[in-house]
C-alpha atoms as a PDB file:
ATOM      1  CA  MET A   1       2.723  -0.464  22.538  1.00  0.00           C
ATOM      2  CA  ALA A   2       2.860  -0.770  18.845  1.00  0.00           C
ATOM      3  CA  GLN A   3      -0.254  -2.087  16.971  1.00  0.00           C
ATOM      4  CA  THR A   4      -0.122  -5.420  15.159  1.00  0.00           C
ATOM      5  CA  PRO A   5      -0.444  -5.198  11.356  1.00  0.00           C
ATOM      6  CA  VAL A   6      -4.037  -6.582  11.408  1.00  0.00           C
ATOM      7  CA  THR A   7      -5.099  -3.952  13.997  1.00  0.00           C
ATOM      8  CA  LEU A   8      -3.452  -1.191  12.013  1.00  0.00           C
ATOM      9  CA  ILE A   9      -5.172  -2.236   8.865  1.00  0.00           C
ATOM     10  CA  ARG A  10      -8.571  -2.469  10.619  1.00  0.00           C
ATOM     11  CA  ASN A  11      -8.043   0.988  12.029  1.00  0.00           C
ATOM     12  CA  LEU A  12      -7.195   2.433   8.621  1.00  0.00           C
ATOM     13  CA  GLN A  13     -10.433   1.161   7.180  1.00  0.00           C
ATOM     14  CA  ARG A  14     -12.071   3.854   9.181  1.00  0.00           C
ATOM     15  CA  ARG A  15     -12.088   7.298   7.653  1.00  0.00           C
ATOM     16  CA  ASN A  16     -11.248   9.057  10.937  1.00  0.00           C
ATOM     17  CA  ALA A  17      -8.156   6.852  11.415  1.00  0.00           C
ATOM     18  CA  ARG A  18      -6.950   7.635   7.913  1.00  0.00           C
ATOM     19  CA  ARG A  19      -7.160  11.308   8.460  1.00  0.00           C
ATOM     20  CA  ARG A  20      -5.167  11.095  11.697  1.00  0.00           C
ATOM     21  CA  GLN A  21      -2.340   8.866  10.406  1.00  0.00           C
ATOM     22  CA  PRO A  22      -0.354   9.557   7.292  1.00  0.00           C
ATOM     23  CA  LEU A  23      -0.442   5.799   6.185  1.00  0.00           C
ATOM     24  CA  ALA A  24      -1.696   3.941   3.284  1.00  0.00           C
ATOM     25  CA  ILE A  25      -2.846   0.345   2.637  1.00  0.00           C
ATOM     26  CA  VAL A  26      -1.313  -1.572  -0.270  1.00  0.00           C
ATOM     27  CA  GLU A  27      -2.849  -4.840  -1.498  1.00  0.00           C
ATOM     28  CA  GLY A  28      -1.442  -7.483  -3.656  1.00  0.00           C
ATOM     29  CA  VAL A  29       1.906  -8.731  -4.852  1.00  0.00           C
ATOM     30  CA  ARG A  30       2.701  -6.154  -7.473  1.00  0.00           C
ATOM     31  CA  LEU A  31       1.896  -3.100  -5.308  1.00  0.00           C
ATOM     32  CA  THR A  32       3.825  -4.484  -2.318  1.00  0.00           C
ATOM     33  CA  GLU A  33       6.821  -5.195  -4.572  1.00  0.00           C
ATOM     34  CA  GLU A  34       6.680  -1.606  -5.932  1.00  0.00           C
ATOM     35  CA  ALA A  35       6.424  -0.160  -2.364  1.00  0.00           C
ATOM     36  CA  LEU A  36       9.433  -2.213  -1.392  1.00  0.00           C
ATOM     37  CA  GLY A  37      11.294  -1.046  -4.476  1.00  0.00           C
ATOM     38  CA  ALA A  38      10.473   2.552  -3.726  1.00  0.00           C
ATOM     39  CA  GLU A  39      11.905   1.921  -0.234  1.00  0.00           C
ATOM     40  CA  LEU A  40       8.756   3.046   1.520  1.00  0.00           C
ATOM     41  CA  SER A  41       8.577   2.685   5.226  1.00  0.00           C
ATOM     42  CA  PHE A  42       6.483  -0.430   6.042  1.00  0.00           C
ATOM     43  CA  LYS A  43       4.437  -0.377   9.258  1.00  0.00           C
ATOM     44  CA  GLY A  44       3.534  -4.073   8.891  1.00  0.00           C
ATOM     45  CA  ALA A  45       1.867  -6.627   6.655  1.00  0.00           C
ATOM     46  CA  ALA A  46      -0.823  -9.304   7.105  1.00  0.00           C
ATOM     47  CA  VAL A  47      -0.246 -12.421   4.935  1.00  0.00           C
ATOM     48  CA  SER A  48      -2.200 -15.566   4.290  1.00  0.00           C
ATOM     49  CA  PRO A  49      -1.278 -18.909   2.889  1.00  0.00           C
ATOM     50  CA  ALA A  50      -2.395 -17.697  -0.536  1.00  0.00           C
ATOM     51  CA  LEU A  51       0.833 -15.619  -0.743  1.00  0.00           C
ATOM     52  CA  GLY A  52       2.922 -18.790  -0.577  1.00  0.00           C
ATOM     53  CA  ARG A  53       1.111 -20.410  -3.445  1.00  0.00           C
ATOM     54  CA  SER A  54       3.345 -18.718  -6.075  1.00  0.00           C
ATOM     55  CA  GLU A  55       7.115 -18.427  -6.446  1.00  0.00           C
ATOM     56  CA  ARG A  56       6.671 -14.622  -6.738  1.00  0.00           C
ATOM     57  CA  GLY A  57       4.632 -14.563  -3.387  1.00  0.00           C
ATOM     58  CA  VAL A  58       7.294 -16.662  -1.663  1.00  0.00           C
ATOM     59  CA  ALA A  59      10.076 -14.285  -2.936  1.00  0.00           C
ATOM     60  CA  LEU A  60       8.054 -11.289  -1.801  1.00  0.00           C
ATOM     61  CA  LEU A  61       7.692 -12.791   1.697  1.00  0.00           C
ATOM     62  CA  ASP A  62      11.417 -13.375   1.822  1.00  0.00           C
ATOM     63  CA  ASP A  63      12.087  -9.743   0.741  1.00  0.00           C
ATOM     64  CA  LEU A  64       9.687  -8.415   3.425  1.00  0.00           C
ATOM     65  CA  ARG A  65      11.387 -10.413   6.098  1.00  0.00           C
ATOM     66  CA  HIS A  66      14.866  -9.352   4.861  1.00  0.00           C
ATOM     67  CA  ALA A  67      13.623  -5.697   5.053  1.00  0.00           C
ATOM     68  CA  GLY A  68      12.535  -6.289   8.698  1.00  0.00           C
ATOM     69  CA  VAL A  69       8.812  -5.754   8.001  1.00  0.00           C
ATOM     70  CA  SER A  70       6.518  -6.893  10.832  1.00  0.00           C
ATOM     71  CA  ILE A  71       4.421  -9.689   9.349  1.00  0.00           C
ATOM     72  CA  GLU A  72       1.352 -11.118  10.903  1.00  0.00           C
ATOM     73  CA  GLU A  73       0.026 -14.480   9.465  1.00  0.00           C
ATOM     74  CA  VAL A  74      -3.663 -14.858   9.133  1.00  0.00           C
ATOM     75  CA  ASP A  75      -5.884 -17.428   7.361  1.00  0.00           C
ATOM     76  CA  ASP A  76      -7.294 -16.728   3.892  1.00  0.00           C
ATOM     77  CA  HIS A  77     -10.783 -15.749   5.284  1.00  0.00           C
ATOM     78  CA  ALA A  78      -9.311 -13.181   7.697  1.00  0.00           C
ATOM     79  CA  LEU A  79      -7.208 -11.645   4.966  1.00  0.00           C
ATOM     80  CA  SER A  80     -10.231 -11.419   2.706  1.00  0.00           C
ATOM     81  CA  ASP A  81     -11.974  -9.405   5.434  1.00  0.00           C
ATOM     82  CA  LEU A  82      -9.012  -6.991   5.513  1.00  0.00           C
ATOM     83  CA  ALA A  83      -8.720  -6.629   1.738  1.00  0.00           C
ATOM     84  CA  ASP A  84     -10.769  -4.341  -0.525  1.00  0.00           C
ATOM     85  CA  THR A  85     -10.234  -6.457  -3.535  1.00  0.00           C
ATOM     86  CA  ASP A  86     -12.562  -9.240  -4.549  1.00  0.00           C
ATOM     87  CA  THR A  87      -9.843 -11.877  -4.876  1.00  0.00           C
ATOM     88  CA  PRO A  88      -6.967 -10.969  -2.527  1.00  0.00           C
ATOM     89  CA  GLN A  89      -3.535 -12.200  -3.446  1.00  0.00           C
ATOM     90  CA  GLY A  90      -2.495 -13.051   0.122  1.00  0.00           C
ATOM     91  CA  ILE A  91      -0.992  -9.809   1.349  1.00  0.00           C
ATOM     92  CA  VAL A  92      -2.299  -6.496   2.790  1.00  0.00           C
ATOM     93  CA  ALA A  93       0.409  -4.135   3.946  1.00  0.00           C
ATOM     94  CA  VAL A  94       0.581  -0.674   5.470  1.00  0.00           C
ATOM     95  CA  VAL A  95       3.124   1.822   4.338  1.00  0.00           C
ATOM     96  CA  GLU A  96       4.047   5.399   5.099  1.00  0.00           C
ATOM     97  CA  PRO A  97       3.910   7.264   1.803  1.00  0.00           C
ATOM     98  CA  PRO A  98       6.520   9.861   1.125  1.00  0.00           C
ATOM     99  CA  GLU A  99       5.581  13.478   1.609  1.00  0.00           C
ATOM    100  CA  TRP A 100       5.776  15.639  -1.410  1.00  0.00           C
ATOM    101  CA  ARG A 101       5.826  19.454  -1.615  1.00  0.00           C
ATOM    102  CA  VAL A 102       5.447  21.487  -4.808  1.00  0.00           C
ATOM    103  CA  ALA A 103       8.900  22.817  -4.161  1.00  0.00           C
ATOM    104  CA  ASP A 104      10.218  19.213  -4.521  1.00  0.00           C
ATOM    105  CA  LEU A 105       9.052  19.147  -8.104  1.00  0.00           C
ATOM    106  CA  SER A 106      11.214  20.376 -10.942  1.00  0.00           C
ATOM    107  CA  VAL A 107       9.631  21.444 -14.141  1.00  0.00           C
ATOM    108  CA  GLY A 108      11.701  22.525 -17.168  1.00  0.00           C
ATOM    109  CA  VAL A 109      10.882  25.346 -19.474  1.00  0.00           C
ATOM    110  CA  GLY A 110       7.954  24.289 -21.785  1.00  0.00           C
ATOM    111  CA  GLU A 111       7.158  21.252 -19.653  1.00  0.00           C
ATOM    112  CA  SER A 112       3.877  20.605 -17.791  1.00  0.00           C
ATOM    113  CA  ILE A 113       3.054  19.045 -14.517  1.00  0.00           C
ATOM    114  CA  LEU A 114      -0.195  17.776 -13.178  1.00  0.00           C
ATOM    115  CA  VAL A 115      -0.513  17.470  -9.404  1.00  0.00           C
ATOM    116  CA  LEU A 116      -3.485  15.655  -7.975  1.00  0.00           C
ATOM    117  CA  ASP A 117      -4.617  15.409  -4.347  1.00  0.00           C
ATOM    118  CA  GLY A 118      -7.566  13.563  -2.831  1.00  0.00           C
ATOM    119  CA  VAL A 119      -8.832  11.982  -6.157  1.00  0.00           C
ATOM    120  CA  GLN A 120     -11.993  10.125  -5.366  1.00  0.00           C
ATOM    121  CA  ASP A 121     -12.975   9.066  -8.908  1.00  0.00           C
ATOM    122  CA  PRO A 122     -10.134   7.367 -10.986  1.00  0.00           C
ATOM    123  CA  GLY A 123     -12.001   8.297 -14.124  1.00  0.00           C
ATOM    124  CA  ASN A 124     -11.339  11.917 -13.418  1.00  0.00           C
ATOM    125  CA  VAL A 125      -7.593  11.235 -13.560  1.00  0.00           C
ATOM    126  CA  GLY A 126      -7.968   9.910 -17.132  1.00  0.00           C
ATOM    127  CA  ALA A 127      -9.933  12.907 -18.145  1.00  0.00           C
ATOM    128  CA  LEU A 128      -7.354  15.225 -16.699  1.00  0.00           C
ATOM    129  CA  LEU A 129      -4.533  13.422 -18.436  1.00  0.00           C
ATOM    130  CA  ARG A 130      -6.302  13.609 -21.757  1.00  0.00           C
ATOM    131  CA  THR A 131      -6.936  17.242 -21.407  1.00  0.00           C
END
């Protein structure tokens, strides 16, 4: 039996579950729009009434339905419990990120590439880019 979006999100909040499943949580309108635009595989989404309070949120909900994403409606308080952000925008979704291999990357002569894996401190990314 498939897990509901809320159950899947709760499971992914545990470190052990994240290690076992190649899935990621996306929060907010912009990140969910970008995941849809990148044609990532959605495993489900939890949405609250807050999403429907903006035209952009309503459009996103329509796009998710059109894409066949499993949507579970929850109240604002329940969504707040699922979200990591202080002020959730009404959506938390689960996606399957694409798998990349170094062989998939093409670098031309004289070009550089930076590959990061398992970054825990976003400040480190900035330092690496500046270097």
